[in-house]
Amino acid sequence: MTVIVRDLRPDVRPDLEAFAHVRHLALPFILWTPDAVVHRLVHTHPDARFRCLVVEEDGEVIGTAQLGLAHDSPEPGQGFLNVYVRPDRVRRGAGGLLVRAAEEHLAAQGATRLFSWVLDEPANRAFAERHGYRASRSAHFLRLDLANGTLPPLQDPPPGVELRTAADFADDPRPLFELDAETTSDEPSDIDTEFTDYETWVEENWKHPLLDRDVTTVVVVDGRPVAFSAAHTDGATRYASAMTGTARAFRGRGLAKLAKTASLHRARAAGYTEAFTGNDAGNGPMLAINKWFGYEICGTEVRYVRELG
């Protein structure tokens, strides 16, 4: 048995398919496609020093890692690595090889603190702790049965409020960038994030192959986007909420709920049968909203952190 670690080859389609397949087996609550995997590898900002690694066992990809620096954080030295191995190929050393290779790369790039998401299962948590990581916050994955569930009815927007789609901003998405930047900065996180580079946002987010501009819904007041629910779809049956948020000055009016309701109805009309989302375990307001929609928790992950040197 020969086990090796190497970089993912972005120009080799079977490599991308194998990476996406391993991730789907390990994390079925997230949309993984070869196009999405290569998009992130190719279009992530160079300052992130982003890499995708795989572990091969006798030529078969059995483990994966994504790692890099949080280049958009105001605090330097923040790094991340997320390691996932096929559930039927664990205890073969693949995870340890990936962690070691990832940590060496990140340390060489100046990382002093590393963050990693770990599925909330005893074996996974024990693995992280053996490698010197300590648990911090947690987050939930949620699933909604779009095919058989009952969605809240569509509501008419209040006076002066319009519902549009991201496709309506195709000629100039900058207003959506500004809204995304404001709402993302308020999301619960271990790493503060600041979206300041519009061109990078366009490449990484607006041009993302999973972004469904016809399903992504935007609430507009006086011509200004003030709330939105961004949708990723796999072109088959699965829909995922990429981000839902409201500008600070317009919170407390139910606008995020209005946007997400419309987005889910659009997704079901387009033939999508499963909807997924994720929320920080401490984000009570969004968890309550998603429970109101009919989402149910289907998995939990824990954020682990390790200080280097």
Protein backbone atom coordinates (compact mmCIF):
# COMPACT_ATOMS: atom_id res chain seq x y z
CA MET A 1 0.00 0.00 0.00
CA THR A 2 1.46 3.34 -1.10
CA VAL A 3 0.03 6.56 0.36
CA ILE A 4 1.24 9.94 -0.95
CA VAL A 5 0.26 13.61 -0.59
CA ARG A 6 0.28 15.90 -3.62
CA ASP A 7 -1.33 19.04 -4.99
CA LEU A 8 -4.65 18.81 -6.79
CA ARG A 9 -4.16 19.12 -10.57
CA PRO A 10 -6.62 21.79 -11.79
CA ASP A 11 -6.22 20.81 -15.43
CA VAL A 12 -7.00 17.10 -14.87
CA ARG A 13 -10.75 16.52 -14.85
CA PRO A 14 -10.66 13.10 -13.13
CA ASP A 15 -8.62 14.69 -10.33
CA LEU A 16 -11.27 17.37 -9.82
CA GLU A 17 -14.05 14.80 -9.94
CA ALA A 18 -12.28 12.65 -7.35
CA PHE A 19 -11.76 15.64 -5.04
CA ALA A 20 -15.44 16.64 -5.30
CA HIS A 21 -16.53 13.02 -4.75
CA VAL A 22 -14.48 12.62 -1.56
CA ARG A 23 -15.86 15.90 -0.23
CA HIS A 24 -19.42 14.88 -1.06
CA LEU A 25 -19.01 11.59 0.81
CA ALA A 26 -17.53 13.34 3.84
CA LEU A 27 -19.74 16.48 3.75
CA PRO A 28 -23.01 15.71 1.94
CA PHE A 29 -24.53 18.94 3.32
CA ILE A 30 -22.40 21.12 1.00
CA LEU A 31 -22.53 21.41 -2.79
CA TRP A 32 -19.35 20.03 -4.33
CA THR A 33 -18.78 20.05 -8.08
CA PRO A 34 -15.54 19.83 -10.07
CA ASP A 35 -16.16 23.30 -11.52
CA ALA A 36 -16.62 24.80 -8.06
CA VAL A 37 -13.45 23.13 -6.78
CA VAL A 38 -11.27 24.41 -9.63
CA HIS A 39 -12.88 27.86 -9.50
CA ARG A 40 -11.81 28.35 -5.90
CA LEU A 41 -8.33 27.02 -6.59
CA VAL A 42 -7.77 29.25 -9.62
CA HIS A 43 -9.59 32.43 -8.56
CA THR A 44 -8.80 32.80 -4.87
CA HIS A 45 -6.71 35.93 -4.26
CA PRO A 46 -2.96 35.21 -4.59
CA ASP A 47 -2.31 36.64 -1.10
CA ALA A 48 -4.29 33.72 0.34
CA ARG A 49 -1.56 31.28 -0.76
CA PHE A 50 -4.45 28.89 -1.28
CA ARG A 51 -3.80 25.22 -2.06
CA CYS A 52 -5.81 22.05 -2.52
CA LEU A 53 -4.09 18.81 -1.51
CA VAL A 54 -5.06 15.20 -2.03
CA VAL A 55 -3.92 11.92 -0.55
CA GLU A 56 -3.67 8.97 -2.90
CA GLU A 57 -3.67 5.36 -1.80
CA ASP A 58 -2.37 3.16 -4.61
CA GLY A 59 -3.53 5.76 -7.13
CA GLU A 60 -7.00 6.35 -5.59
CA VAL A 61 -7.81 9.76 -4.04
CA ILE A 62 -9.00 9.04 -0.50
CA GLY A 63 -8.41 12.35 1.29
CA THR A 64 -8.52 16.08 0.59
CA ALA A 65 -7.45 19.37 2.15
CA GLN A 66 -8.06 23.04 1.39
CA LEU A 67 -5.76 25.51 3.09
CA GLY A 68 -4.67 29.11 2.95
CA LEU A 69 -4.32 32.45 4.68
CA ALA A 70 -7.22 34.72 5.63
CA HIS A 71 -5.89 37.50 3.38
CA ASP A 72 -9.07 39.58 3.83
CA SER A 73 -8.71 39.70 7.63
CA PRO A 74 -7.36 42.87 9.26
CA GLU A 75 -5.33 40.65 11.61
CA PRO A 76 -2.30 39.05 9.94
CA GLY A 77 -1.15 35.49 10.51
CA GLN A 78 -4.57 33.82 10.38
CA GLY A 79 -4.56 30.53 8.49
CA PHE A 80 -7.06 27.77 7.80
CA LEU A 81 -6.99 24.12 6.84
CA ASN A 82 -9.96 21.84 6.32
CA VAL A 83 -9.16 18.15 5.98
CA TYR A 84 -11.67 15.49 4.95
CA VAL A 85 -11.08 11.81 4.25
CA ARG A 86 -13.49 9.34 2.68
CA PRO A 87 -15.48 7.82 5.56
CA ASP A 88 -14.67 4.32 4.30
CA ARG A 89 -10.92 5.05 4.08
CA VAL A 90 -10.15 6.41 7.54
CA ARG A 91 -7.42 5.15 9.91
CA ARG A 92 -4.90 4.77 7.10
CA GLY A 93 -2.82 7.82 7.93
CA ALA A 94 -4.29 10.04 5.21
CA GLY A 95 -5.58 12.72 7.58
CA GLY A 96 -2.30 13.00 9.45
CA LEU A 97 -0.31 13.36 6.23
CA LEU A 98 -2.61 16.15 5.06
CA VAL A 99 -2.44 18.03 8.37
CA ARG A 100 1.35 17.86 8.40
CA ALA A 101 1.70 19.08 4.82
CA ALA A 102 -0.86 21.86 5.35
CA GLU A 103 0.75 23.11 8.56
CA GLU A 104 4.20 23.17 6.99
CA HIS A 105 2.92 25.25 4.07
CA LEU A 106 1.00 27.70 6.26
CA ALA A 107 3.85 28.14 8.74
CA ALA A 108 6.18 28.93 5.86
CA GLN A 109 3.72 31.60 4.72
CA GLY A 110 3.75 33.32 8.11
CA ALA A 111 0.64 31.82 9.74
CA THR A 112 0.67 31.95 13.54
CA ARG A 113 -2.86 30.74 14.26
CA LEU A 114 -4.66 27.97 12.38
CA PHE A 115 -8.40 27.32 12.22
CA SER A 116 -10.07 24.12 11.07
CA TRP A 117 -13.65 22.87 10.88
CA VAL A 118 -14.17 19.36 12.24
CA LEU A 119 -17.35 17.31 12.13
CA ASP A 120 -18.81 16.95 15.60
CA GLU A 121 -18.12 13.25 15.97
CA PRO A 122 -15.92 11.65 18.67
CA ALA A 123 -13.28 10.26 16.29
CA ASN A 124 -12.92 13.52 14.38
CA ARG A 125 -12.68 15.63 17.52
CA ALA A 126 -10.13 13.27 19.04
CA PHE A 127 -8.07 13.49 15.83
CA ALA A 128 -8.00 17.30 16.01
CA GLU A 129 -7.06 17.30 19.69
CA ARG A 130 -4.23 14.80 19.13
CA HIS A 131 -2.76 17.27 16.65
CA GLY A 132 -2.79 20.13 19.14
CA TYR A 133 -6.07 21.85 18.24
CA ARG A 134 -8.60 23.08 20.78
CA ALA A 135 -12.33 23.46 20.27
CA SER A 136 -14.02 26.85 19.98
CA ARG A 137 -17.42 27.63 18.50
CA SER A 138 -19.75 25.31 16.59
CA ALA A 139 -22.11 25.56 13.63
CA HIS A 140 -25.02 23.55 12.29
CA PHE A 141 -25.85 22.23 8.84
CA LEU A 142 -29.58 22.33 8.06
CA ARG A 143 -31.67 20.61 5.39
CA LEU A 144 -35.09 21.39 3.96
CA ASP A 145 -37.15 18.98 1.85
CA LEU A 146 -38.16 21.23 -1.04
CA ALA A 147 -39.98 18.50 -2.91
CA ASN A 148 -42.34 17.44 -0.13
CA GLY A 149 -42.13 20.16 2.48
CA THR A 150 -44.49 23.10 2.86
CA LEU A 151 -42.90 26.49 2.30
CA PRO A 152 -44.28 29.64 3.89
CA PRO A 153 -46.50 31.41 1.35
CA LEU A 154 -45.06 34.20 -0.75
CA GLN A 155 -45.77 37.63 0.68
CA ASP A 156 -46.37 40.83 -1.25
CA PRO A 157 -43.53 43.28 -0.52
CA PRO A 158 -44.42 46.28 1.67
CA PRO A 159 -44.98 49.61 -0.07
CA GLY A 160 -41.75 50.99 -1.52
CA VAL A 161 -40.04 47.58 -1.46
CA GLU A 162 -39.21 45.54 -4.57
CA LEU A 163 -38.06 41.96 -5.05
CA ARG A 164 -35.46 41.47 -7.76
CA THR A 165 -32.90 38.83 -8.67
CA ALA A 166 -29.14 39.03 -8.92
CA ALA A 167 -29.55 38.72 -12.68
CA ASP A 168 -31.04 42.22 -12.64
CA PHE A 169 -27.62 43.52 -11.53
CA ALA A 170 -25.60 41.76 -14.23
CA ASP A 171 -24.45 45.05 -15.78
CA ASP A 172 -23.26 46.48 -12.45
CA PRO A 173 -23.05 44.16 -9.43
CA ARG A 174 -21.18 46.68 -7.26
CA PRO A 175 -24.28 47.47 -5.13
CA LEU A 176 -24.47 43.77 -4.26
CA PHE A 177 -20.78 43.77 -3.38
CA GLU A 178 -21.33 46.65 -0.97
CA LEU A 179 -24.29 44.89 0.66
CA ASP A 180 -22.41 41.59 0.91
CA ALA A 181 -19.40 43.34 2.45
CA GLU A 182 -21.52 44.99 5.14
CA THR A 183 -23.47 41.88 6.12
CA THR A 184 -20.47 39.53 6.01
CA SER A 185 -18.54 41.77 8.41
CA ASP A 186 -21.30 41.19 10.99
CA GLU A 187 -21.37 37.39 10.66
CA PRO A 188 -20.23 35.44 13.76
CA SER A 189 -16.70 34.23 13.05
CA ASP A 190 -13.34 33.50 14.62
CA ILE A 191 -11.69 35.58 11.89
CA ASP A 192 -12.83 39.12 11.12
CA THR A 193 -13.39 39.64 7.41
CA GLU A 194 -13.29 42.83 5.40
CA PHE A 195 -14.38 42.87 1.76
CA THR A 196 -12.50 45.82 0.30
CA ASP A 197 -11.44 44.54 -3.12
CA TYR A 198 -14.33 44.69 -5.57
CA GLU A 199 -12.48 42.97 -8.41
CA THR A 200 -11.54 40.05 -6.16
CA TRP A 201 -15.15 39.74 -5.02
CA VAL A 202 -16.29 39.64 -8.65
CA GLU A 203 -13.85 36.84 -9.49
CA GLU A 204 -14.39 34.79 -6.33
CA ASN A 205 -18.12 35.32 -5.70
CA TRP A 206 -19.98 36.93 -8.57
CA LYS A 207 -18.44 34.57 -11.16
CA HIS A 208 -18.68 31.49 -8.95
CA PRO A 209 -19.99 28.60 -11.07
CA LEU A 210 -22.58 27.61 -8.46
CA LEU A 211 -24.07 31.11 -8.05
CA ASP A 212 -27.60 31.03 -9.46
CA ARG A 213 -28.39 34.63 -10.32
CA ASP A 214 -31.99 33.82 -11.28
CA VAL A 215 -32.70 32.26 -7.88
CA THR A 216 -30.63 34.68 -5.78
CA THR A 217 -33.15 37.23 -4.50
CA VAL A 218 -32.51 40.88 -3.67
CA VAL A 219 -34.73 43.26 -1.70
CA VAL A 220 -34.54 46.81 -3.07
CA VAL A 221 -35.71 50.03 -1.38
CA ASP A 222 -35.54 53.29 -3.32
CA GLY A 223 -33.33 51.65 -5.89
CA ARG A 224 -30.82 50.40 -3.30
CA PRO A 225 -30.29 46.71 -2.44
CA VAL A 226 -30.86 46.37 1.31
CA ALA A 227 -31.28 42.61 1.83
CA PHE A 228 -30.53 39.47 -0.12
CA SER A 229 -30.48 35.70 -0.13
CA ALA A 230 -27.69 34.33 -2.33
CA ALA A 231 -28.32 30.91 -3.84
CA HIS A 232 -25.94 28.24 -5.05
CA THR A 233 -27.36 25.40 -7.13
CA ASP A 234 -25.77 22.32 -8.66
CA GLY A 235 -27.85 22.34 -11.86
CA ALA A 236 -29.59 19.13 -10.80
CA THR A 237 -31.53 18.79 -7.52
CA ARG A 238 -29.62 20.62 -4.78
CA TYR A 239 -29.90 24.25 -3.63
CA ALA A 240 -27.81 25.93 -0.93
CA SER A 241 -28.07 29.30 0.76
CA ALA A 242 -24.69 30.92 0.28
CA MET A 243 -25.47 33.99 2.38
CA THR A 244 -28.57 35.79 3.65
CA GLY A 245 -28.34 39.21 5.20
CA THR A 246 -29.73 42.72 5.63
CA ALA A 247 -28.04 46.11 5.73
CA ARG A 248 -27.77 47.40 9.30
CA ALA A 249 -30.15 50.33 8.78
CA PHE A 250 -32.93 48.03 7.53
CA ARG A 251 -32.81 45.19 10.06
CA GLY A 252 -35.83 44.19 12.11
CA ARG A 253 -38.29 44.59 9.20
CA GLY A 254 -38.42 40.97 8.03
CA LEU A 255 -36.62 41.74 4.76
CA ALA A 256 -34.17 38.83 4.95
CA LYS A 257 -37.10 36.48 5.51
CA LEU A 258 -38.87 38.04 2.52
CA ALA A 259 -35.80 37.48 0.32
CA LYS A 260 -35.26 33.89 1.43
CA THR A 261 -38.92 32.97 1.01
CA ALA A 262 -38.86 34.21 -2.57
CA SER A 263 -35.56 32.46 -3.27
CA LEU A 264 -36.83 29.11 -1.97
CA HIS A 265 -40.00 29.37 -4.03
CA ARG A 266 -37.91 30.14 -7.13
CA ALA A 267 -35.69 27.15 -6.38
CA ARG A 268 -38.63 24.77 -6.06
CA ALA A 269 -40.20 26.12 -9.25
CA ALA A 270 -36.89 25.45 -11.02
CA GLY A 271 -37.01 21.78 -9.96
CA TYR A 272 -34.66 21.71 -6.98
CA THR A 273 -35.71 19.16 -4.37
CA GLU A 274 -33.28 19.69 -1.46
CA ALA A 275 -32.20 22.93 0.23
CA PHE A 276 -29.21 23.26 2.55
CA THR A 277 -27.93 26.05 4.72
CA GLY A 278 -25.63 26.55 7.67
CA ASN A 279 -25.71 28.70 10.78
CA ASP A 280 -23.38 29.44 13.65
CA ALA A 281 -24.76 27.66 16.71
CA GLY A 282 -24.92 31.01 18.47
CA ASN A 283 -26.80 32.79 15.70
CA GLY A 284 -30.22 32.44 17.31
CA PRO A 285 -32.11 34.81 14.96
CA MET A 286 -31.10 32.96 11.77
CA LEU A 287 -31.65 29.55 13.36
CA ALA A 288 -35.16 30.67 14.31
CA ILE A 289 -35.83 31.92 10.79
CA ASN A 290 -34.63 28.66 9.25
CA LYS A 291 -36.75 26.62 11.67
CA TRP A 292 -39.73 28.74 10.55
CA PHE A 293 -38.95 27.76 6.95
CA GLY A 294 -38.93 24.09 7.92
CA TYR A 295 -35.18 23.43 7.96
CA GLU A 296 -33.95 20.71 10.30
CA ILE A 297 -30.43 20.28 11.68
CA CYS A 298 -28.70 17.45 9.80
CA GLY A 299 -25.13 17.83 11.05
CA THR A 300 -22.84 19.87 13.28
CA GLU A 301 -19.22 20.92 12.98
CA VAL A 302 -16.82 22.43 15.49
CA ARG A 303 -14.22 25.10 14.82
CA TYR A 304 -10.82 24.11 16.16
CA VAL A 305 -7.82 26.40 16.58
CA ARG A 306 -4.10 25.89 17.07
CA GLU A 307 -1.45 28.46 17.92
CA LEU A 308 1.86 28.01 16.11
CA GLY A 309 5.14 28.68 17.87
